[in-house]
Amino acid sequence: GLDRVLPVTLKNYKALLKRFPVLALLHHRPPRGDRGAQRHQEMEELVLELAAQVLEDKGVGFGLVDSEKDAAVAKKLGKGD
């Protein structure tokens, strides 16, 4: 199906802000080999996907910020290490 939760990168951050009146972001770190942590992240993404599906008509966007891959965005949002 359609992926409604978008990865947020430095390249697309400003475009997403313009595209959505409200942009909800989840800041996360990649799970470290722990199956439980990996499963937890999958469940978070699934819940975000459902919320995005319900709220897309209201102009609400959802994005994921990976603190390692997209450290520049995380830092810009005040979540950098």
N, C-alpha and C. Protein backbone atom coordinates (compact mmCIF):
# COMPACT_ATOMS: atom_id res chain seq x y z
N GLY A 1 0.80 -1.18 0.00
CA GLY A 1 0.00 0.00 0.00
C GLY A 1 0.86 1.26 0.00
N LEU A 2 0.19 2.34 0.16
CA LEU A 2 0.81 3.66 0.19
C LEU A 2 1.52 3.88 1.52
N ASP A 3 2.77 4.30 1.47
CA ASP A 3 3.53 4.58 2.68
C ASP A 3 3.29 6.03 3.07
N ARG A 4 2.58 6.25 4.17
CA ARG A 4 2.21 7.60 4.57
C ARG A 4 3.17 8.21 5.59
N VAL A 5 3.98 7.38 6.24
CA VAL A 5 4.98 7.87 7.18
C VAL A 5 6.28 8.00 6.40
N LEU A 6 6.75 9.24 6.29
CA LEU A 6 7.87 9.53 5.41
C LEU A 6 9.18 9.66 6.17
N PRO A 7 10.26 9.17 5.60
CA PRO A 7 11.57 9.43 6.22
C PRO A 7 11.91 10.90 6.03
N VAL A 8 12.37 11.54 7.09
CA VAL A 8 12.70 12.96 7.03
C VAL A 8 14.21 13.10 6.94
N THR A 9 14.65 13.76 5.87
CA THR A 9 16.07 14.00 5.66
C THR A 9 16.29 15.51 5.56
N LEU A 10 17.53 15.90 5.61
CA LEU A 10 17.83 17.32 5.45
C LEU A 10 17.35 17.83 4.09
N LYS A 11 17.39 16.94 3.11
CA LYS A 11 17.00 17.30 1.75
C LYS A 11 15.49 17.57 1.61
N ASN A 12 14.66 16.79 2.31
CA ASN A 12 13.21 16.93 2.13
C ASN A 12 12.50 17.62 3.30
N TYR A 13 13.22 18.02 4.33
CA TYR A 13 12.62 18.59 5.54
C TYR A 13 11.78 19.84 5.24
N LYS A 14 12.35 20.80 4.55
CA LYS A 14 11.62 22.04 4.26
C LYS A 14 10.43 21.80 3.33
N ALA A 15 10.59 20.90 2.38
CA ALA A 15 9.48 20.58 1.48
C ALA A 15 8.32 19.95 2.25
N LEU A 16 8.62 19.11 3.23
CA LEU A 16 7.56 18.49 4.03
C LEU A 16 6.86 19.54 4.89
N LEU A 17 7.62 20.49 5.41
CA LEU A 17 7.00 21.57 6.19
C LEU A 17 6.03 22.39 5.35
N LYS A 18 6.37 22.59 4.08
CA LYS A 18 5.49 23.34 3.19
C LYS A 18 4.28 22.50 2.77
N ARG A 19 4.49 21.21 2.63
CA ARG A 19 3.43 20.32 2.14
C ARG A 19 2.32 20.09 3.16
N PHE A 20 2.69 20.02 4.46
CA PHE A 20 1.71 19.70 5.50
C PHE A 20 1.53 20.88 6.46
N PRO A 21 0.28 21.28 6.72
CA PRO A 21 0.05 22.32 7.72
C PRO A 21 0.54 21.89 9.11
N VAL A 22 0.41 20.59 9.39
CA VAL A 22 0.88 20.01 10.65
C VAL A 22 1.77 18.81 10.30
N LEU A 23 2.98 18.80 10.85
CA LEU A 23 3.91 17.71 10.59
C LEU A 23 4.35 17.13 11.93
N ALA A 24 3.95 15.89 12.19
CA ALA A 24 4.33 15.19 13.42
C ALA A 24 5.54 14.32 13.12
N LEU A 25 6.57 14.45 13.93
CA LEU A 25 7.81 13.72 13.70
C LEU A 25 8.13 12.80 14.86
N LEU A 26 8.58 11.61 14.55
CA LEU A 26 9.08 10.69 15.56
C LEU A 26 10.59 10.61 15.39
N HIS A 27 11.29 10.98 16.41
CA HIS A 27 12.76 10.92 16.43
C HIS A 27 13.13 9.57 17.02
N HIS A 28 13.94 8.80 16.32
CA HIS A 28 14.30 7.48 16.83
C HIS A 28 15.74 7.13 16.48
N ARG A 29 16.25 6.18 17.19
CA ARG A 29 17.55 5.58 16.89
C ARG A 29 17.28 4.19 16.35
N PRO A 30 18.11 3.74 15.43
CA PRO A 30 17.91 2.38 14.91
C PRO A 30 18.08 1.35 16.03
N PRO A 31 17.25 0.31 16.04
CA PRO A 31 17.40 -0.73 17.07
C PRO A 31 18.74 -1.44 16.95
N ARG A 32 19.29 -1.83 18.06
CA ARG A 32 20.62 -2.44 18.11
C ARG A 32 20.56 -3.96 18.25
N GLY A 33 20.14 -4.64 17.22
CA GLY A 33 20.18 -6.10 17.20
C GLY A 33 19.23 -6.78 18.16
N ASP A 34 18.69 -6.08 19.11
CA ASP A 34 17.76 -6.64 20.07
C ASP A 34 16.42 -6.84 19.37
N ARG A 35 15.95 -8.05 19.30
CA ARG A 35 14.70 -8.35 18.59
C ARG A 35 13.52 -7.61 19.19
N GLY A 36 13.51 -7.47 20.52
CA GLY A 36 12.42 -6.75 21.17
C GLY A 36 12.40 -5.28 20.78
N ALA A 37 13.57 -4.65 20.72
CA ALA A 37 13.66 -3.25 20.32
C ALA A 37 13.24 -3.08 18.87
N GLN A 38 13.64 -4.02 18.04
CA GLN A 38 13.27 -3.96 16.62
C GLN A 38 11.75 -4.10 16.46
N ARG A 39 11.18 -5.01 17.20
CA ARG A 39 9.73 -5.22 17.14
C ARG A 39 8.98 -3.98 17.64
N HIS A 40 9.52 -3.35 18.70
CA HIS A 40 8.92 -2.13 19.25
C HIS A 40 8.90 -1.03 18.20
N GLN A 41 9.99 -0.87 17.48
CA GLN A 41 10.06 0.16 16.44
C GLN A 41 9.08 -0.15 15.31
N GLU A 42 8.96 -1.40 14.94
CA GLU A 42 8.00 -1.79 13.90
C GLU A 42 6.58 -1.45 14.32
N MET A 43 6.26 -1.68 15.60
CA MET A 43 4.92 -1.37 16.10
C MET A 43 4.68 0.14 16.13
N GLU A 44 5.69 0.92 16.51
CA GLU A 44 5.56 2.38 16.48
C GLU A 44 5.26 2.87 15.07
N GLU A 45 5.98 2.32 14.11
CA GLU A 45 5.77 2.73 12.72
C GLU A 45 4.38 2.32 12.23
N LEU A 46 3.92 1.17 12.66
CA LEU A 46 2.58 0.71 12.27
C LEU A 46 1.51 1.64 12.85
N VAL A 47 1.66 2.04 14.11
CA VAL A 47 0.71 2.96 14.73
C VAL A 47 0.74 4.31 14.02
N LEU A 48 1.94 4.79 13.69
CA LEU A 48 2.04 6.05 12.95
C LEU A 48 1.37 5.94 11.59
N GLU A 49 1.54 4.82 10.94
CA GLU A 49 0.93 4.60 9.63
C GLU A 49 -0.60 4.67 9.73
N LEU A 50 -1.15 4.07 10.77
CA LEU A 50 -2.60 4.12 10.97
C LEU A 50 -3.07 5.54 11.27
N ALA A 51 -2.34 6.24 12.12
CA ALA A 51 -2.69 7.63 12.43
C ALA A 51 -2.61 8.49 11.17
N ALA A 52 -1.59 8.28 10.37
CA ALA A 52 -1.42 9.05 9.14
C ALA A 52 -2.58 8.78 8.18
N GLN A 53 -3.02 7.53 8.12
CA GLN A 53 -4.13 7.18 7.24
C GLN A 53 -5.40 7.91 7.68
N VAL A 54 -5.65 7.97 8.97
CA VAL A 54 -6.85 8.61 9.49
C VAL A 54 -6.79 10.13 9.32
N LEU A 55 -5.60 10.71 9.49
CA LEU A 55 -5.48 12.17 9.51
C LEU A 55 -5.02 12.81 8.20
N GLU A 56 -4.77 12.01 7.17
CA GLU A 56 -4.26 12.60 5.93
C GLU A 56 -5.23 13.60 5.31
N ASP A 57 -6.53 13.39 5.46
CA ASP A 57 -7.51 14.33 4.92
C ASP A 57 -7.53 15.65 5.68
N LYS A 58 -6.98 15.65 6.88
CA LYS A 58 -6.92 16.87 7.71
C LYS A 58 -5.62 17.64 7.48
N GLY A 59 -4.76 17.15 6.61
CA GLY A 59 -3.50 17.84 6.32
C GLY A 59 -2.39 17.57 7.31
N VAL A 60 -2.49 16.47 8.05
CA VAL A 60 -1.46 16.11 9.02
C VAL A 60 -0.51 15.11 8.38
N GLY A 61 0.78 15.42 8.42
CA GLY A 61 1.79 14.53 7.89
C GLY A 61 2.60 13.91 9.02
N PHE A 62 3.15 12.74 8.78
CA PHE A 62 3.95 12.04 9.77
C PHE A 62 5.30 11.68 9.17
N GLY A 63 6.34 11.86 9.95
CA GLY A 63 7.67 11.55 9.47
C GLY A 63 8.54 10.93 10.54
N LEU A 64 9.54 10.19 10.09
CA LEU A 64 10.51 9.56 10.98
C LEU A 64 11.86 10.22 10.78
N VAL A 65 12.51 10.58 11.88
CA VAL A 65 13.85 11.14 11.83
C VAL A 65 14.78 10.13 12.46
N ASP A 66 15.67 9.56 11.67
CA ASP A 66 16.68 8.62 12.16
C ASP A 66 17.85 9.44 12.70
N SER A 67 18.12 9.31 13.98
CA SER A 67 19.14 10.15 14.62
C SER A 67 20.55 9.87 14.12
N GLU A 68 20.78 8.71 13.54
CA GLU A 68 22.11 8.40 13.01
C GLU A 68 22.23 8.77 11.54
N LYS A 69 21.29 8.32 10.72
CA LYS A 69 21.35 8.61 9.29
C LYS A 69 21.07 10.07 8.98
N ASP A 70 20.24 10.69 9.78
CA ASP A 70 19.83 12.08 9.53
C ASP A 70 20.17 12.96 10.73
N ALA A 71 21.42 12.88 11.16
CA ALA A 71 21.87 13.63 12.34
C ALA A 71 21.70 15.13 12.16
N ALA A 72 21.84 15.63 10.96
CA ALA A 72 21.70 17.07 10.71
C ALA A 72 20.28 17.53 10.99
N VAL A 73 19.30 16.74 10.60
CA VAL A 73 17.90 17.10 10.87
C VAL A 73 17.64 17.00 12.37
N ALA A 74 18.13 15.94 13.00
CA ALA A 74 17.93 15.77 14.43
C ALA A 74 18.53 16.95 15.19
N LYS A 75 19.70 17.38 14.78
CA LYS A 75 20.34 18.52 15.43
C LYS A 75 19.52 19.80 15.22
N LYS A 76 19.01 19.97 14.01
CA LYS A 76 18.20 21.15 13.69
C LYS A 76 16.94 21.18 14.57
N LEU A 77 16.42 20.01 14.90
CA LEU A 77 15.23 19.92 15.73
C LEU A 77 15.55 19.88 17.22
N GLY A 78 16.83 20.00 17.54
CA GLY A 78 17.22 20.00 18.96
C GLY A 78 17.32 18.63 19.57
N LYS A 79 17.41 17.58 18.75
CA LYS A 79 17.48 16.21 19.24
C LYS A 79 18.84 15.56 18.96
N GLY A 80 19.79 16.31 18.50
CA GLY A 80 21.11 15.75 18.18
C GLY A 80 21.88 15.43 19.44
N ASP A 81 22.82 14.52 19.32
CA ASP A 81 23.64 14.11 20.47
C ASP A 81 24.67 15.15 20.83
